[in-house]
Structures are given as structure tokens and as C-alpha cells.
Amino acid sequence: MEQPNSSYLDAFAKGDEAFKKQLLDILRTELVEDIDLYFENLNKKDYPQAKLYVHRIKHKMGMLGLEKSYALANKYEIGLLESDLNQQQYFESMLPIMTEYLNSN
């Protein structure tokens, strides 16, 4: 299973630790909200709305260096347009990993 890292954030912050901390704080706050709204819409079978939150979470995956997860989340996002849940299990398995990483940094 792929693990988050800060290489993208380090490059983006260019050594500014305060800026990196701000980015992590924003990611942490938004991820919690995005996950809640993703599950809320998925449970209602409102796949277009769930897709919106998959899209938002997908970009957070990219910021956390999760390249494989980003690609699979992209497939899941596209699949949701046709109610295709093939990538759901992997996508959802990454959510606690991302949350734990953000909470520990």
C-alpha cells in the first residue's frame, strides 16, 4: 500500500516551514470535511455529488505524493459518472492513511 510523503509539499514550500505547516493545516481541515461529504453522498447514491468529493480528495492525494492513488482515484471519479464502484475499496482504504499522516504532521 502506498504511503503519503511530504516531497511535493517540501518542493512547493521551498524551505518555508511555516508555509508548509499552513498547507498541512488546510489539507487536514478540508480532508475531514471532504471525507464526510463523500460518504454522505455515496450513502444517498448521489454519485455526481460523491464524484465531486472524490475529485477534491484526489488532488489531496497528489499533494501527499500518492501518485498511484491519484491515478486510481481518477478512474474511480470517472467511473462514478456511470455508477461504477470498481475502485471504491482502494480509494476508501487510502482515506484513513491520509488522515493519520496529516494528523501526525
C-alpha atoms as a PDB file:
ATOM      1  CA  MET A   1       0.000   0.000   0.000  1.00  0.00           C
ATOM      2  CA  GLU A   2       1.272   3.400  -0.978  1.00  0.00           C
ATOM      3  CA  GLN A   3       2.301   5.779   1.837  1.00  0.00           C
ATOM      4  CA  PRO A   4       1.951   9.576   1.935  1.00  0.00           C
ATOM      5  CA  ASN A   5       5.038  11.754   1.962  1.00  0.00           C
ATOM      6  CA  SER A   6       5.851  15.437   2.015  1.00  0.00           C
ATOM      7  CA  SER A   7       8.098  15.620  -1.058  1.00  0.00           C
ATOM      8  CA  TYR A   8       5.569  17.626  -3.104  1.00  0.00           C
ATOM      9  CA  LEU A   9       4.815  19.965  -0.188  1.00  0.00           C
ATOM     10  CA  ASP A  10       8.531  20.388   0.544  1.00  0.00           C
ATOM     11  CA  ALA A  11       9.185  21.384  -3.066  1.00  0.00           C
ATOM     12  CA  PHE A  12       6.152  23.665  -3.133  1.00  0.00           C
ATOM     13  CA  ALA A  13       7.048  25.387   0.157  1.00  0.00           C
ATOM     14  CA  LYS A  14      10.685  25.842  -0.926  1.00  0.00           C
ATOM     15  CA  GLY A  15      12.006  25.504   2.614  1.00  0.00           C
ATOM     16  CA  ASP A  16       9.405  27.767   4.232  1.00  0.00           C
ATOM     17  CA  GLU A  17       8.315  25.565   7.138  1.00  0.00           C
ATOM     18  CA  ALA A  18       5.578  27.991   8.248  1.00  0.00           C
ATOM     19  CA  PHE A  19       4.046  27.857   4.769  1.00  0.00           C
ATOM     20  CA  LYS A  20       4.301  24.060   4.717  1.00  0.00           C
ATOM     21  CA  LYS A  21       2.536  23.927   8.083  1.00  0.00           C
ATOM     22  CA  GLN A  22      -0.243  26.146   6.709  1.00  0.00           C
ATOM     23  CA  LEU A  23      -0.661  23.805   3.752  1.00  0.00           C
ATOM     24  CA  LEU A  24      -0.839  20.784   6.049  1.00  0.00           C
ATOM     25  CA  ASP A  25      -3.412  22.533   8.245  1.00  0.00           C
ATOM     26  CA  ILE A  26      -5.577  23.324   5.222  1.00  0.00           C
ATOM     27  CA  LEU A  27      -5.287  19.770   3.904  1.00  0.00           C
ATOM     28  CA  ARG A  28      -6.145  18.343   7.321  1.00  0.00           C
ATOM     29  CA  THR A  29      -9.240  20.523   7.736  1.00  0.00           C
ATOM     30  CA  GLU A  30     -10.520  20.085   4.197  1.00  0.00           C
ATOM     31  CA  LEU A  31      -9.886  16.332   4.101  1.00  0.00           C
ATOM     32  CA  VAL A  32     -12.120  15.699   7.109  1.00  0.00           C
ATOM     33  CA  GLU A  33     -14.953  17.678   5.516  1.00  0.00           C
ATOM     34  CA  ASP A  34     -14.449  16.098   2.097  1.00  0.00           C
ATOM     35  CA  ILE A  35     -14.488  12.568   3.507  1.00  0.00           C
ATOM     36  CA  ASP A  36     -17.681  13.220   5.477  1.00  0.00           C
ATOM     37  CA  LEU A  37     -19.437  14.692   2.448  1.00  0.00           C
ATOM     38  CA  TYR A  38     -18.154  11.924   0.174  1.00  0.00           C
ATOM     39  CA  PHE A  39     -19.668   9.226   2.403  1.00  0.00           C
ATOM     40  CA  GLU A  40     -22.865  11.208   2.918  1.00  0.00           C
ATOM     41  CA  ASN A  41     -23.437  11.460  -0.830  1.00  0.00           C
ATOM     42  CA  LEU A  42     -22.285   7.911  -1.535  1.00  0.00           C
ATOM     43  CA  ASN A  43     -24.758   6.579   1.039  1.00  0.00           C
ATOM     44  CA  LYS A  44     -27.529   8.540  -0.698  1.00  0.00           C
ATOM     45  CA  LYS A  45     -26.312   7.082  -4.016  1.00  0.00           C
ATOM     46  CA  ASP A  46     -25.854  10.641  -5.230  1.00  0.00           C
ATOM     47  CA  TYR A  47     -22.901   9.669  -7.387  1.00  0.00           C
ATOM     48  CA  PRO A  48     -22.461  13.039  -9.136  1.00  0.00           C
ATOM     49  CA  GLN A  49     -22.026  14.723  -5.739  1.00  0.00           C
ATOM     50  CA  ALA A  50     -19.832  11.891  -4.430  1.00  0.00           C
ATOM     51  CA  LYS A  51     -17.719  12.361  -7.573  1.00  0.00           C
ATOM     52  CA  LEU A  52     -17.146  15.988  -6.607  1.00  0.00           C
ATOM     53  CA  TYR A  53     -15.605  14.939  -3.285  1.00  0.00           C
ATOM     54  CA  VAL A  54     -13.571  12.163  -4.904  1.00  0.00           C
ATOM     55  CA  HIS A  55     -12.186  14.874  -7.175  1.00  0.00           C
ATOM     56  CA  ARG A  56     -11.252  17.072  -4.216  1.00  0.00           C
ATOM     57  CA  ILE A  57      -9.693  14.174  -2.296  1.00  0.00           C
ATOM     58  CA  LYS A  58      -7.834  13.020  -5.420  1.00  0.00           C
ATOM     59  CA  HIS A  59      -5.956  16.306  -5.549  1.00  0.00           C
ATOM     60  CA  LYS A  60      -5.055  15.990  -1.881  1.00  0.00           C
ATOM     61  CA  MET A  61      -3.625  12.565  -2.710  1.00  0.00           C
ATOM     62  CA  GLY A  62      -1.420  14.216  -5.294  1.00  0.00           C
ATOM     63  CA  MET A  63      -0.231  16.796  -2.802  1.00  0.00           C
ATOM     64  CA  LEU A  64       0.688  13.985  -0.417  1.00  0.00           C
ATOM     65  CA  GLY A  65       2.792  12.218  -3.039  1.00  0.00           C
ATOM     66  CA  LEU A  66       0.302   9.412  -3.614  1.00  0.00           C
ATOM     67  CA  GLU A  67       0.768   9.052  -7.363  1.00  0.00           C
ATOM     68  CA  LYS A  68      -0.747   5.562  -7.738  1.00  0.00           C
ATOM     69  CA  SER A  69      -3.673   6.526  -5.533  1.00  0.00           C
ATOM     70  CA  TYR A  70      -4.200   9.699  -7.557  1.00  0.00           C
ATOM     71  CA  ALA A  71      -4.429   7.655 -10.767  1.00  0.00           C
ATOM     72  CA  LEU A  72      -6.846   5.139  -9.240  1.00  0.00           C
ATOM     73  CA  ALA A  73      -8.949   7.925  -7.707  1.00  0.00           C
ATOM     74  CA  ASN A  74      -9.164   9.456 -11.174  1.00  0.00           C
ATOM     75  CA  LYS A  75     -10.532   6.158 -12.533  1.00  0.00           C
ATOM     76  CA  TYR A  76     -12.992   5.979  -9.640  1.00  0.00           C
ATOM     77  CA  GLU A  77     -14.090   9.569 -10.246  1.00  0.00           C
ATOM     78  CA  ILE A  78     -14.784   8.837 -13.912  1.00  0.00           C
ATOM     79  CA  GLY A  79     -16.494   5.554 -13.025  1.00  0.00           C
ATOM     80  CA  LEU A  80     -18.894   7.274 -10.652  1.00  0.00           C
ATOM     81  CA  LEU A  81     -20.448   9.004 -13.662  1.00  0.00           C
ATOM     82  CA  GLU A  82     -21.723   5.557 -14.653  1.00  0.00           C
ATOM     83  CA  SER A  83     -22.320   4.276 -11.092  1.00  0.00           C
ATOM     84  CA  ASP A  84     -19.171   2.140 -11.429  1.00  0.00           C
ATOM     85  CA  LEU A  85     -17.743   1.487  -7.961  1.00  0.00           C
ATOM     86  CA  ASN A  86     -14.814  -0.746  -9.021  1.00  0.00           C
ATOM     87  CA  GLN A  87     -12.156   1.486  -7.423  1.00  0.00           C
ATOM     88  CA  GLN A  88     -14.189   2.238  -4.283  1.00  0.00           C
ATOM     89  CA  GLN A  89     -12.437  -0.201  -1.944  1.00  0.00           C
ATOM     90  CA  TYR A  90      -8.929   1.019  -2.751  1.00  0.00           C
ATOM     91  CA  PHE A  91      -9.977   4.674  -2.675  1.00  0.00           C
ATOM     92  CA  GLU A  92     -11.617   4.295   0.724  1.00  0.00           C
ATOM     93  CA  SER A  93      -8.665   2.317   2.097  1.00  0.00           C
ATOM     94  CA  MET A  94      -6.445   5.341   1.474  1.00  0.00           C
ATOM     95  CA  LEU A  95      -8.623   7.771   3.438  1.00  0.00           C
ATOM     96  CA  PRO A  96      -7.549   6.688   6.953  1.00  0.00           C
ATOM     97  CA  ILE A  97      -3.919   6.512   5.798  1.00  0.00           C
ATOM     98  CA  MET A  98      -4.091  10.097   4.581  1.00  0.00           C
ATOM     99  CA  THR A  99      -5.898  11.231   7.726  1.00  0.00           C
ATOM    100  CA  GLU A 100      -3.374   9.558  10.001  1.00  0.00           C
ATOM    101  CA  TYR A 101      -0.479  11.085   8.083  1.00  0.00           C
ATOM    102  CA  LEU A 102      -1.945  14.578   8.268  1.00  0.00           C
ATOM    103  CA  ASN A 103      -2.773  14.209  11.957  1.00  0.00           C
ATOM    104  CA  SER A 104       0.805  13.147  12.723  1.00  0.00           C
ATOM    105  CA  ASN A 105       2.409  16.082  10.865  1.00  0.00           C
END
